[in-house]
Amino acid sequence: MYNSFELNESVRRALGLYSQSLIKIAFAYLKNTADAEEVAQDVFLAYLQKRPVFENEEHEKAWLIRTAINKSKNMLKA
């Protein structure tokens, strides 16, 4: 479990590393830049709310990508 500072630093690092990739993944599903950016924002909001603990960076990346895909599909359904 993270303390507040560690969580903020973890999210900040992930944001720098993966935000553009998540937007591209979401765009592939949604074909709309604004919606893709909203999905990426929702992914990082879920990261902050759920505070997942990852085994390594690959696990973190996989969680972020899967969450982006799921949120994109949910947006298409709505």
N, C-alpha and C. Protein backbone atom coordinates (compact mmCIF):
# COMPACT_ATOMS: atom_id res chain seq x y z
N MET A 1 0.85 -1.19 0.00
CA MET A 1 0.00 0.00 0.00
C MET A 1 0.88 1.24 0.00
N TYR A 2 0.47 2.24 -0.72
CA TYR A 2 1.23 3.46 -0.84
C TYR A 2 0.83 4.47 0.22
N ASN A 3 1.80 5.30 0.62
CA ASN A 3 1.39 6.50 1.35
C ASN A 3 1.08 7.54 0.28
N SER A 4 0.56 8.67 0.69
CA SER A 4 0.09 9.68 -0.27
C SER A 4 1.21 10.16 -1.20
N PHE A 5 2.39 10.40 -0.66
CA PHE A 5 3.50 10.89 -1.47
C PHE A 5 3.92 9.84 -2.50
N GLU A 6 4.05 8.58 -2.06
CA GLU A 6 4.45 7.52 -2.98
C GLU A 6 3.42 7.33 -4.09
N LEU A 7 2.14 7.41 -3.74
CA LEU A 7 1.09 7.28 -4.74
C LEU A 7 1.18 8.40 -5.76
N ASN A 8 1.34 9.63 -5.29
CA ASN A 8 1.45 10.77 -6.21
C ASN A 8 2.65 10.61 -7.14
N GLU A 9 3.78 10.19 -6.60
CA GLU A 9 4.97 10.00 -7.43
C GLU A 9 4.78 8.86 -8.42
N SER A 10 4.12 7.80 -7.99
CA SER A 10 3.87 6.66 -8.87
C SER A 10 2.96 7.06 -10.03
N VAL A 11 1.91 7.81 -9.72
CA VAL A 11 0.99 8.27 -10.77
C VAL A 11 1.69 9.25 -11.69
N ARG A 12 2.48 10.15 -11.14
CA ARG A 12 3.20 11.14 -11.96
C ARG A 12 4.15 10.44 -12.93
N ARG A 13 4.87 9.42 -12.44
CA ARG A 13 5.78 8.67 -13.30
C ARG A 13 5.02 7.94 -14.39
N ALA A 14 3.93 7.26 -14.01
CA ALA A 14 3.12 6.53 -14.99
C ALA A 14 2.51 7.48 -16.01
N LEU A 15 2.10 8.64 -15.56
CA LEU A 15 1.53 9.64 -16.47
C LEU A 15 2.55 10.03 -17.54
N GLY A 16 3.77 10.28 -17.11
CA GLY A 16 4.83 10.63 -18.06
C GLY A 16 5.17 9.51 -19.01
N LEU A 17 5.17 8.28 -18.51
CA LEU A 17 5.56 7.14 -19.34
C LEU A 17 4.46 6.65 -20.28
N TYR A 18 3.21 6.65 -19.81
CA TYR A 18 2.18 5.92 -20.52
C TYR A 18 1.01 6.75 -21.05
N SER A 19 0.93 8.03 -20.72
CA SER A 19 -0.27 8.78 -21.10
C SER A 19 -0.48 8.82 -22.62
N GLN A 20 0.57 9.07 -23.38
CA GLN A 20 0.41 9.13 -24.84
C GLN A 20 0.02 7.77 -25.42
N SER A 21 0.57 6.71 -24.88
CA SER A 21 0.22 5.37 -25.35
C SER A 21 -1.24 5.06 -25.05
N LEU A 22 -1.71 5.44 -23.87
CA LEU A 22 -3.10 5.18 -23.51
C LEU A 22 -4.05 5.97 -24.39
N ILE A 23 -3.68 7.20 -24.72
CA ILE A 23 -4.51 8.01 -25.61
C ILE A 23 -4.58 7.35 -26.99
N LYS A 24 -3.46 6.85 -27.49
CA LYS A 24 -3.44 6.18 -28.80
C LYS A 24 -4.28 4.91 -28.79
N ILE A 25 -4.20 4.16 -27.72
CA ILE A 25 -5.00 2.93 -27.60
C ILE A 25 -6.48 3.28 -27.59
N ALA A 26 -6.85 4.26 -26.78
CA ALA A 26 -8.25 4.67 -26.70
C ALA A 26 -8.73 5.23 -28.04
N PHE A 27 -7.87 5.99 -28.71
CA PHE A 27 -8.24 6.56 -30.01
C PHE A 27 -8.51 5.46 -31.04
N ALA A 28 -7.77 4.37 -30.98
CA ALA A 28 -7.97 3.25 -31.89
C ALA A 28 -9.39 2.69 -31.76
N TYR A 29 -9.95 2.73 -30.57
CA TYR A 29 -11.31 2.27 -30.34
C TYR A 29 -12.34 3.35 -30.65
N LEU A 30 -12.07 4.57 -30.23
CA LEU A 30 -13.10 5.61 -30.22
C LEU A 30 -13.09 6.52 -31.45
N LYS A 31 -11.96 6.62 -32.15
CA LYS A 31 -11.82 7.48 -33.33
C LYS A 31 -12.16 8.94 -33.04
N ASN A 32 -11.88 9.37 -31.80
CA ASN A 32 -12.16 10.75 -31.40
C ASN A 32 -11.12 11.14 -30.35
N THR A 33 -10.36 12.19 -30.63
CA THR A 33 -9.27 12.60 -29.75
C THR A 33 -9.77 13.01 -28.37
N ALA A 34 -10.84 13.80 -28.31
CA ALA A 34 -11.35 14.27 -27.02
C ALA A 34 -11.80 13.09 -26.15
N ASP A 35 -12.49 12.13 -26.75
CA ASP A 35 -12.93 10.96 -25.99
C ASP A 35 -11.73 10.12 -25.55
N ALA A 36 -10.74 10.00 -26.40
CA ALA A 36 -9.54 9.23 -26.05
C ALA A 36 -8.81 9.89 -24.88
N GLU A 37 -8.72 11.21 -24.88
CA GLU A 37 -8.08 11.91 -23.76
C GLU A 37 -8.89 11.74 -22.49
N GLU A 38 -10.20 11.73 -22.61
CA GLU A 38 -11.07 11.53 -21.43
C GLU A 38 -10.86 10.13 -20.84
N VAL A 39 -10.73 9.14 -21.71
CA VAL A 39 -10.48 7.77 -21.24
C VAL A 39 -9.14 7.71 -20.50
N ALA A 40 -8.11 8.32 -21.06
CA ALA A 40 -6.81 8.32 -20.39
C ALA A 40 -6.91 8.99 -19.03
N GLN A 41 -7.63 10.08 -18.96
CA GLN A 41 -7.83 10.76 -17.68
C GLN A 41 -8.56 9.85 -16.69
N ASP A 42 -9.58 9.15 -17.17
CA ASP A 42 -10.32 8.23 -16.31
C ASP A 42 -9.44 7.09 -15.81
N VAL A 43 -8.52 6.64 -16.65
CA VAL A 43 -7.61 5.56 -16.24
C VAL A 43 -6.75 6.02 -15.06
N PHE A 44 -6.20 7.22 -15.16
CA PHE A 44 -5.35 7.70 -14.07
C PHE A 44 -6.16 8.04 -12.83
N LEU A 45 -7.41 8.45 -13.01
CA LEU A 45 -8.29 8.66 -11.87
C LEU A 45 -8.56 7.32 -11.17
N ALA A 46 -8.78 6.26 -11.94
CA ALA A 46 -8.97 4.93 -11.36
C ALA A 46 -7.71 4.48 -10.61
N TYR A 47 -6.56 4.81 -11.16
CA TYR A 47 -5.28 4.50 -10.50
C TYR A 47 -5.23 5.15 -9.12
N LEU A 48 -5.60 6.41 -9.06
CA LEU A 48 -5.59 7.13 -7.79
C LEU A 48 -6.62 6.57 -6.81
N GLN A 49 -7.78 6.21 -7.30
CA GLN A 49 -8.85 5.74 -6.43
C GLN A 49 -8.61 4.32 -5.93
N LYS A 50 -8.16 3.44 -6.81
CA LYS A 50 -8.01 2.03 -6.45
C LYS A 50 -6.68 1.73 -5.76
N ARG A 51 -5.68 2.55 -6.01
CA ARG A 51 -4.35 2.37 -5.42
C ARG A 51 -3.83 0.94 -5.61
N PRO A 52 -3.79 0.45 -6.84
CA PRO A 52 -3.32 -0.92 -7.05
C PRO A 52 -1.83 -1.06 -6.71
N VAL A 53 -1.48 -2.22 -6.24
CA VAL A 53 -0.08 -2.52 -5.96
C VAL A 53 0.40 -3.48 -7.05
N PHE A 54 1.46 -3.09 -7.73
CA PHE A 54 1.95 -3.86 -8.87
C PHE A 54 3.22 -4.61 -8.50
N GLU A 55 3.40 -5.77 -9.14
CA GLU A 55 4.59 -6.58 -8.91
C GLU A 55 5.83 -5.95 -9.55
N ASN A 56 5.62 -5.32 -10.72
CA ASN A 56 6.72 -4.71 -11.46
C ASN A 56 6.14 -3.72 -12.46
N GLU A 57 7.01 -3.09 -13.24
CA GLU A 57 6.55 -2.09 -14.22
C GLU A 57 5.70 -2.71 -15.32
N GLU A 58 6.01 -3.93 -15.72
CA GLU A 58 5.22 -4.58 -16.76
C GLU A 58 3.79 -4.83 -16.28
N HIS A 59 3.64 -5.20 -15.03
CA HIS A 59 2.31 -5.41 -14.45
C HIS A 59 1.54 -4.09 -14.43
N GLU A 60 2.21 -3.03 -14.06
CA GLU A 60 1.58 -1.70 -14.04
C GLU A 60 1.12 -1.30 -15.44
N LYS A 61 2.00 -1.48 -16.42
CA LYS A 61 1.68 -1.12 -17.81
C LYS A 61 0.50 -1.94 -18.31
N ALA A 62 0.50 -3.23 -18.02
CA ALA A 62 -0.60 -4.09 -18.46
C ALA A 62 -1.92 -3.66 -17.83
N TRP A 63 -1.89 -3.30 -16.54
CA TRP A 63 -3.10 -2.84 -15.86
C TRP A 63 -3.63 -1.56 -16.49
N LEU A 64 -2.74 -0.62 -16.78
CA LEU A 64 -3.14 0.64 -17.39
C LEU A 64 -3.73 0.42 -18.78
N ILE A 65 -3.11 -0.42 -19.58
CA ILE A 65 -3.60 -0.69 -20.93
C ILE A 65 -4.96 -1.39 -20.88
N ARG A 66 -5.08 -2.40 -20.04
CA ARG A 66 -6.35 -3.13 -19.94
C ARG A 66 -7.46 -2.20 -19.46
N THR A 67 -7.15 -1.34 -18.51
CA THR A 67 -8.14 -0.39 -18.00
C THR A 67 -8.55 0.58 -19.10
N ALA A 68 -7.61 1.04 -19.90
CA ALA A 68 -7.92 1.95 -21.01
C ALA A 68 -8.82 1.26 -22.04
N ILE A 69 -8.52 0.01 -22.35
CA ILE A 69 -9.34 -0.74 -23.31
C ILE A 69 -10.76 -0.91 -22.77
N ASN A 70 -10.87 -1.31 -21.51
CA ASN A 70 -12.19 -1.52 -20.92
C ASN A 70 -13.00 -0.23 -20.88
N LYS A 71 -12.36 0.86 -20.51
CA LYS A 71 -13.07 2.14 -20.45
C LYS A 71 -13.46 2.63 -21.85
N SER A 72 -12.64 2.34 -22.84
CA SER A 72 -12.98 2.68 -24.22
C SER A 72 -14.19 1.89 -24.68
N LYS A 73 -14.21 0.61 -24.41
CA LYS A 73 -15.35 -0.22 -24.80
C LYS A 73 -16.62 0.22 -24.09
N ASN A 74 -16.49 0.58 -22.82
CA ASN A 74 -17.66 1.07 -22.07
C ASN A 74 -18.19 2.35 -22.66
N MET A 75 -17.29 3.23 -23.11
CA MET A 75 -17.71 4.49 -23.72
C MET A 75 -18.43 4.23 -25.04
N LEU A 76 -17.99 3.23 -25.79
CA LEU A 76 -18.67 2.89 -27.04
C LEU A 76 -20.07 2.37 -26.79
N LYS A 77 -20.26 1.62 -25.71
CA LYS A 77 -21.57 1.08 -25.36
C LYS A 77 -22.55 2.19 -24.96
N ALA A 78 -22.01 3.22 -24.31
CA ALA A 78 -22.88 4.27 -23.75
C ALA A 78 -23.47 5.17 -24.81
